[in-house]
PDB file of all heavy atoms in Angstrom:
ATOM      1  N   LEU A   1       0.790  -1.234   0.000  1.00  0.00           N
ATOM      2  CA  LEU A   1       0.001  -0.001   0.001  1.00  0.00           C
ATOM      3  C   LEU A   1       0.823   1.288   0.002  1.00  0.00           C
ATOM      4  O   LEU A   1       0.312   2.344  -0.348  1.00  0.00           O
ATOM      5  CB  LEU A   1      -0.939   0.020   1.208  1.00  0.00           C
ATOM      6  CG  LEU A   1      -1.994  -1.083   1.284  1.00  0.00           C
ATOM      7  CD1 LEU A   1      -2.815  -0.936   2.567  1.00  0.00           C
ATOM      8  CD2 LEU A   1      -2.905  -1.053   0.067  1.00  0.00           C
ATOM      9  N   ALA A   2       2.081   1.202   0.424  1.00  0.00           N
ATOM     10  CA  ALA A   2       2.854   2.433   0.620  1.00  0.00           C
ATOM     11  C   ALA A   2       3.537   2.907  -0.646  1.00  0.00           C
ATOM     12  O   ALA A   2       3.972   2.116  -1.478  1.00  0.00           O
ATOM     13  CB  ALA A   2       3.901   2.224   1.710  1.00  0.00           C
ATOM     14  N   ASP A   3       3.647   4.220  -0.755  1.00  0.00           N
ATOM     15  CA  ASP A   3       4.580   4.835  -1.689  1.00  0.00           C
ATOM     16  C   ASP A   3       5.838   5.255  -0.925  1.00  0.00           C
ATOM     17  O   ASP A   3       6.947   5.138  -1.432  1.00  0.00           O
ATOM     18  CB  ASP A   3       3.953   6.056  -2.368  1.00  0.00           C
ATOM     19  CG  ASP A   3       2.825   5.657  -3.301  1.00  0.00           C
ATOM     20  OD1 ASP A   3       3.082   4.859  -4.221  1.00  0.00           O
ATOM     21  OD2 ASP A   3       1.692   6.125  -3.102  1.00  0.00           O
ATOM     22  N   GLU A   4       5.625   5.744   0.300  1.00  0.00           N
ATOM     23  CA  GLU A   4       6.751   6.101   1.154  1.00  0.00           C
ATOM     24  C   GLU A   4       6.513   5.574   2.561  1.00  0.00           C
ATOM     25  O   GLU A   4       5.379   5.343   2.972  1.00  0.00           O
ATOM     26  CB  GLU A   4       6.957   7.620   1.202  1.00  0.00           C
ATOM     27  CG  GLU A   4       5.838   8.380   1.888  1.00  0.00           C
ATOM     28  CD  GLU A   4       6.220   9.804   2.264  1.00  0.00           C
ATOM     29  OE1 GLU A   4       7.370  10.210   2.005  1.00  0.00           O
ATOM     30  OE2 GLU A   4       5.354  10.494   2.826  1.00  0.00           O
ATOM     31  N   VAL A   5       7.613   5.382   3.284  1.00  0.00           N
ATOM     32  CA  VAL A   5       7.565   4.887   4.657  1.00  0.00           C
ATOM     33  C   VAL A   5       8.185   5.912   5.590  1.00  0.00           C
ATOM     34  O   VAL A   5       9.262   6.453   5.314  1.00  0.00           O
ATOM     35  CB  VAL A   5       8.314   3.546   4.795  1.00  0.00           C
ATOM     36  CG1 VAL A   5       8.508   3.174   6.268  1.00  0.00           C
ATOM     37  CG2 VAL A   5       7.553   2.436   4.077  1.00  0.00           C
ATOM     38  N   ILE A   6       7.491   6.191   6.686  1.00  0.00           N
ATOM     39  CA  ILE A   6       8.076   6.920   7.812  1.00  0.00           C
ATOM     40  C   ILE A   6       8.284   5.896   8.915  1.00  0.00           C
ATOM     41  O   ILE A   6       7.322   5.252   9.358  1.00  0.00           O
ATOM     42  CB  ILE A   6       7.151   8.050   8.294  1.00  0.00           C
ATOM     43  CG1 ILE A   6       7.048   9.151   7.223  1.00  0.00           C
ATOM     44  CG2 ILE A   6       7.663   8.656   9.601  1.00  0.00           C
ATOM     45  CD1 ILE A   6       6.068  10.251   7.573  1.00  0.00           C
ATOM     46  N   TYR A   7       9.541   5.713   9.334  1.00  0.00           N
ATOM     47  CA  TYR A   7       9.845   4.727  10.361  1.00  0.00           C
ATOM     48  C   TYR A   7       9.970   5.415  11.709  1.00  0.00           C
ATOM     49  O   TYR A   7      10.812   6.296  11.902  1.00  0.00           O
ATOM     50  CB  TYR A   7      11.131   3.973  10.033  1.00  0.00           C
ATOM     51  CG  TYR A   7      11.568   3.039  11.139  1.00  0.00           C
ATOM     52  CD1 TYR A   7      10.721   2.027  11.589  1.00  0.00           C
ATOM     53  CD2 TYR A   7      12.809   3.178  11.743  1.00  0.00           C
ATOM     54  CE1 TYR A   7      11.103   1.188  12.618  1.00  0.00           C
ATOM     55  CE2 TYR A   7      13.202   2.329  12.770  1.00  0.00           C
ATOM     56  CZ  TYR A   7      12.345   1.331  13.195  1.00  0.00           C
ATOM     57  OH  TYR A   7      12.719   0.496  14.213  1.00  0.00           O
ATOM     58  N   LEU A   8       9.099   4.998  12.639  1.00  0.00           N
ATOM     59  CA  LEU A   8       9.048   5.588  13.969  1.00  0.00           C
ATOM     60  C   LEU A   8       9.652   4.612  14.971  1.00  0.00           C
ATOM     61  O   LEU A   8       9.281   3.428  15.013  1.00  0.00           O
ATOM     62  CB  LEU A   8       7.590   5.887  14.320  1.00  0.00           C
ATOM     63  CG  LEU A   8       7.294   6.864  15.459  1.00  0.00           C
ATOM     64  CD1 LEU A   8       7.788   8.260  15.098  1.00  0.00           C
ATOM     65  CD2 LEU A   8       5.798   6.897  15.751  1.00  0.00           C
ATOM     66  N   HIS A   9      10.574   5.106  15.795  1.00  0.00           N
ATOM     67  CA  HIS A   9      11.246   4.267  16.790  1.00  0.00           C
ATOM     68  C   HIS A   9      11.342   5.038  18.095  1.00  0.00           C
ATOM     69  O   HIS A   9      11.923   6.126  18.144  1.00  0.00           O
ATOM     70  CB  HIS A   9      12.639   3.881  16.295  1.00  0.00           C
ATOM     71  CG  HIS A   9      13.470   3.155  17.311  1.00  0.00           C
ATOM     72  ND1 HIS A   9      13.218   1.857  17.680  1.00  0.00           N
ATOM     73  CD2 HIS A   9      14.549   3.553  18.035  1.00  0.00           C
ATOM     74  CE1 HIS A   9      14.108   1.474  18.585  1.00  0.00           C
ATOM     75  NE2 HIS A   9      14.929   2.489  18.825  1.00  0.00           N
ATOM     76  N   GLN A  10      10.711   4.493  19.146  1.00  0.00           N
ATOM     77  CA  GLN A  10      10.724   5.131  20.457  1.00  0.00           C
ATOM     78  C   GLN A  10      10.323   6.603  20.385  1.00  0.00           C
ATOM     79  O   GLN A  10      10.930   7.471  20.998  1.00  0.00           O
ATOM     80  CB  GLN A  10      12.104   4.968  21.104  1.00  0.00           C
ATOM     81  CG  GLN A  10      12.438   3.509  21.409  1.00  0.00           C
ATOM     82  CD  GLN A  10      13.758   3.333  22.128  1.00  0.00           C
ATOM     83  OE1 GLN A  10      14.579   4.246  22.181  1.00  0.00           O
ATOM     84  NE2 GLN A  10      13.966   2.155  22.682  1.00  0.00           N
ATOM     85  N   GLY A  11       9.277   6.867  19.612  1.00  0.00           N
ATOM     86  CA  GLY A  11       8.736   8.220  19.517  1.00  0.00           C
ATOM     87  C   GLY A  11       9.512   9.163  18.628  1.00  0.00           C
ATOM     88  O   GLY A  11       9.198  10.358  18.586  1.00  0.00           O
ATOM     89  N   ARG A  12      10.484   8.650  17.893  1.00  0.00           N
ATOM     90  CA  ARG A  12      11.295   9.497  17.010  1.00  0.00           C
ATOM     91  C   ARG A  12      11.189   9.006  15.575  1.00  0.00           C
ATOM     92  O   ARG A  12      11.135   7.795  15.324  1.00  0.00           O
ATOM     93  CB  ARG A  12      12.763   9.482  17.436  1.00  0.00           C
ATOM     94  CG  ARG A  12      13.044  10.115  18.791  1.00  0.00           C
ATOM     95  CD  ARG A  12      14.533  10.050  19.112  1.00  0.00           C
ATOM     96  NE  ARG A  12      14.862  10.811  20.303  1.00  0.00           N
ATOM     97  CZ  ARG A  12      14.806  10.326  21.541  1.00  0.00           C
ATOM     98  NH1 ARG A  12      14.423   9.070  21.722  1.00  0.00           N
ATOM     99  NH2 ARG A  12      15.114  11.075  22.566  1.00  0.00           N
ATOM    100  N   VAL A  13      11.196   9.933  14.626  1.00  0.00           N
ATOM    101  CA  VAL A  13      11.250   9.564  13.215  1.00  0.00           C
ATOM    102  C   VAL A  13      12.707   9.323  12.857  1.00  0.00           C
ATOM    103  O   VAL A  13      13.513  10.260  12.810  1.00  0.00           O
ATOM    104  CB  VAL A  13      10.649  10.666  12.318  1.00  0.00           C
ATOM    105  CG1 VAL A  13      10.870  10.321  10.844  1.00  0.00           C
ATOM    106  CG2 VAL A  13       9.160  10.829  12.596  1.00  0.00           C
ATOM    107  N   LEU A  14      13.055   8.046  12.627  1.00  0.00           N
ATOM    108  CA  LEU A  14      14.442   7.715  12.299  1.00  0.00           C
ATOM    109  C   LEU A  14      14.684   7.691  10.802  1.00  0.00           C
ATOM    110  O   LEU A  14      15.817   7.943  10.365  1.00  0.00           O
ATOM    111  CB  LEU A  14      14.822   6.362  12.894  1.00  0.00           C
ATOM    112  CG  LEU A  14      14.962   6.272  14.408  1.00  0.00           C
ATOM    113  CD1 LEU A  14      15.662   4.959  14.785  1.00  0.00           C
ATOM    114  CD2 LEU A  14      15.737   7.451  14.991  1.00  0.00           C
ATOM    115  N   GLU A  15      13.659   7.356  10.027  1.00  0.00           N
ATOM    116  CA  GLU A  15      13.845   7.289   8.576  1.00  0.00           C
ATOM    117  C   GLU A  15      12.576   7.716   7.848  1.00  0.00           C
ATOM    118  O   GLU A  15      11.462   7.536   8.361  1.00  0.00           O
ATOM    119  CB  GLU A  15      14.202   5.868   8.124  1.00  0.00           C
ATOM    120  CG  GLU A  15      15.561   5.397   8.563  1.00  0.00           C
ATOM    121  CD  GLU A  15      16.004   4.156   7.816  1.00  0.00           C
ATOM    122  OE1 GLU A  15      15.702   4.048   6.599  1.00  0.00           O
ATOM    123  OE2 GLU A  15      16.650   3.299   8.441  1.00  0.00           O
ATOM    124  N   ARG A  16      12.775   8.228   6.653  1.00  0.00           N
ATOM    125  CA  ARG A  16      11.675   8.499   5.727  1.00  0.00           C
ATOM    126  C   ARG A  16      12.209   8.242   4.336  1.00  0.00           C
ATOM    127  O   ARG A  16      13.176   8.874   3.906  1.00  0.00           O
ATOM    128  CB  ARG A  16      11.183   9.938   5.858  1.00  0.00           C
ATOM    129  CG  ARG A  16       9.972  10.223   4.973  1.00  0.00           C
ATOM    130  CD  ARG A  16       9.429  11.613   5.228  1.00  0.00           C
ATOM    131  NE  ARG A  16       8.174  11.818   4.553  1.00  0.00           N
ATOM    132  CZ  ARG A  16       7.402  12.891   4.695  1.00  0.00           C
ATOM    133  NH1 ARG A  16       7.783  13.870   5.533  1.00  0.00           N
ATOM    134  NH2 ARG A  16       6.272  13.000   4.042  1.00  0.00           N
ATOM    135  N   ALA A  17      11.604   7.293   3.621  1.00  0.00           N
ATOM    136  CA  ALA A  17      12.159   6.883   2.332  1.00  0.00           C
ATOM    137  C   ALA A  17      11.083   6.234   1.478  1.00  0.00           C
ATOM    138  O   ALA A  17      10.065   5.761   2.004  1.00  0.00           O
ATOM    139  CB  ALA A  17      13.306   5.899   2.550  1.00  0.00           C
ATOM    140  N   PRO A  18      11.281   6.185   0.142  1.00  0.00           N
ATOM    141  CA  PRO A  18      10.389   5.394  -0.697  1.00  0.00           C
ATOM    142  C   PRO A  18      10.343   3.954  -0.192  1.00  0.00           C
ATOM    143  O   PRO A  18      11.341   3.442   0.341  1.00  0.00           O
ATOM    144  CB  PRO A  18      11.048   5.476  -2.087  1.00  0.00           C
ATOM    145  CG  PRO A  18      11.829   6.746  -2.050  1.00  0.00           C
ATOM    146  CD  PRO A  18      12.324   6.867  -0.645  1.00  0.00           C
ATOM    147  N   VAL A  19       9.212   3.284  -0.358  1.00  0.00           N
ATOM    148  CA  VAL A  19       8.999   2.008   0.299  1.00  0.00           C
ATOM    149  C   VAL A  19      10.055   0.966  -0.056  1.00  0.00           C
ATOM    150  O   VAL A  19      10.613   0.295   0.822  1.00  0.00           O
ATOM    151  CB  VAL A  19       7.573   1.481   0.020  1.00  0.00           C
ATOM    152  CG1 VAL A  19       7.313   1.276  -1.470  1.00  0.00           C
ATOM    153  CG2 VAL A  19       7.314   0.205   0.812  1.00  0.00           C
ATOM    154  N   GLU A  20      10.390   0.816  -1.328  1.00  0.00           N
ATOM    155  CA  GLU A  20      11.362  -0.213  -1.699  1.00  0.00           C
ATOM    156  C   GLU A  20      12.754   0.136  -1.192  1.00  0.00           C
ATOM    157  O   GLU A  20      13.520  -0.753  -0.800  1.00  0.00           O
ATOM    158  CB  GLU A  20      11.357  -0.421  -3.211  1.00  0.00           C
ATOM    159  CG  GLU A  20      10.119  -1.131  -3.730  1.00  0.00           C
ATOM    160  CD  GLU A  20       9.851  -2.447  -2.988  1.00  0.00           C
ATOM    161  OE1 GLU A  20      10.816  -3.162  -2.651  1.00  0.00           O
ATOM    162  OE2 GLU A  20       8.675  -2.756  -2.742  1.00  0.00           O
ATOM    163  N   GLU A  21      13.089   1.410  -1.186  1.00  0.00           N
ATOM    164  CA  GLU A  21      14.386   1.823  -0.653  1.00  0.00           C
ATOM    165  C   GLU A  21      14.470   1.526   0.839  1.00  0.00           C
ATOM    166  O   GLU A  21      15.511   1.074   1.343  1.00  0.00           O
ATOM    167  CB  GLU A  21      14.604   3.310  -0.901  1.00  0.00           C
ATOM    168  CG  GLU A  21      15.927   3.852  -0.385  1.00  0.00           C
ATOM    169  CD  GLU A  21      16.079   5.327  -0.642  1.00  0.00           C
ATOM    170  OE1 GLU A  21      15.597   5.799  -1.701  1.00  0.00           O
ATOM    171  OE2 GLU A  21      16.671   6.026   0.205  1.00  0.00           O
ATOM    172  N   PHE A  22      13.381   1.779   1.558  1.00  0.00           N
ATOM    173  CA  PHE A  22      13.385   1.514   2.997  1.00  0.00           C
ATOM    174  C   PHE A  22      13.638   0.043   3.281  1.00  0.00           C
ATOM    175  O   PHE A  22      14.447  -0.297   4.158  1.00  0.00           O
ATOM    176  CB  PHE A  22      12.050   1.930   3.627  1.00  0.00           C
ATOM    177  CG  PHE A  22      11.920   1.550   5.077  1.00  0.00           C
ATOM    178  CD1 PHE A  22      12.552   2.298   6.067  1.00  0.00           C
ATOM    179  CD2 PHE A  22      11.194   0.426   5.444  1.00  0.00           C
ATOM    180  CE1 PHE A  22      12.450   1.928   7.409  1.00  0.00           C
ATOM    181  CE2 PHE A  22      11.084   0.052   6.775  1.00  0.00           C
ATOM    182  CZ  PHE A  22      11.723   0.806   7.761  1.00  0.00           C
ATOM    183  N   PHE A  23      12.973  -0.840   2.548  1.00  0.00           N
ATOM    184  CA  PHE A  23      13.118  -2.273   2.826  1.00  0.00           C
ATOM    185  C   PHE A  23      14.419  -2.859   2.279  1.00  0.00           C
ATOM    186  O   PHE A  23      14.959  -3.801   2.858  1.00  0.00           O
ATOM    187  CB  PHE A  23      11.921  -3.045   2.270  1.00  0.00           C
ATOM    188  CG  PHE A  23      10.694  -2.937   3.127  1.00  0.00           C
ATOM    189  CD1 PHE A  23       9.618  -2.156   2.734  1.00  0.00           C
ATOM    190  CD2 PHE A  23      10.622  -3.593   4.345  1.00  0.00           C
ATOM    191  CE1 PHE A  23       8.488  -2.047   3.525  1.00  0.00           C
ATOM    192  CE2 PHE A  23       9.495  -3.487   5.157  1.00  0.00           C
ATOM    193  CZ  PHE A  23       8.425  -2.718   4.748  1.00  0.00           C
ATOM    194  N   SER A  24      14.921  -2.314   1.180  1.00  0.00           N
ATOM    195  CA  SER A  24      16.142  -2.885   0.594  1.00  0.00           C
ATOM    196  C   SER A  24      17.415  -2.247   1.126  1.00  0.00           C
ATOM    197  O   SER A  24      18.462  -2.910   1.214  1.00  0.00           O
ATOM    198  CB  SER A  24      16.109  -2.738  -0.935  1.00  0.00           C
ATOM    199  OG  SER A  24      16.089  -1.373  -1.325  1.00  0.00           O
ATOM    200  N   LYS A  25      17.338  -0.960   1.516  1.00  0.00           N
ATOM    201  CA  LYS A  25      18.537  -0.265   1.988  1.00  0.00           C
ATOM    202  C   LYS A  25      18.203   0.632   3.181  1.00  0.00           C
ATOM    203  O   LYS A  25      18.293   1.864   3.098  1.00  0.00           O
ATOM    204  CB  LYS A  25      19.134   0.590   0.861  1.00  0.00           C
ATOM    205  CG  LYS A  25      19.609  -0.203  -0.345  1.00  0.00           C
ATOM    206  CD  LYS A  25      20.137   0.727  -1.426  1.00  0.00           C
ATOM    207  CE  LYS A  25      20.585  -0.052  -2.649  1.00  0.00           C
ATOM    208  NZ  LYS A  25      21.066   0.857  -3.744  1.00  0.00           N
ATOM    209  N   PRO A  26      17.822   0.031   4.320  1.00  0.00           N
ATOM    210  CA  PRO A  26      17.520   0.868   5.493  1.00  0.00           C
ATOM    211  C   PRO A  26      18.749   1.672   5.898  1.00  0.00           C
ATOM    212  O   PRO A  26      19.870   1.175   5.869  1.00  0.00           O
ATOM    213  CB  PRO A  26      17.126  -0.159   6.557  1.00  0.00           C
ATOM    214  CG  PRO A  26      17.725  -1.449   6.107  1.00  0.00           C
ATOM    215  CD  PRO A  26      17.707  -1.408   4.604  1.00  0.00           C
TER     216      PRO A  26
END
């Protein structure tokens, strides 16, 4: 469903990237 991912960790935004980039190259 995603075009982009915002990754939230312990209340902080650690990453924001296109979905495939997030999963292939965190």
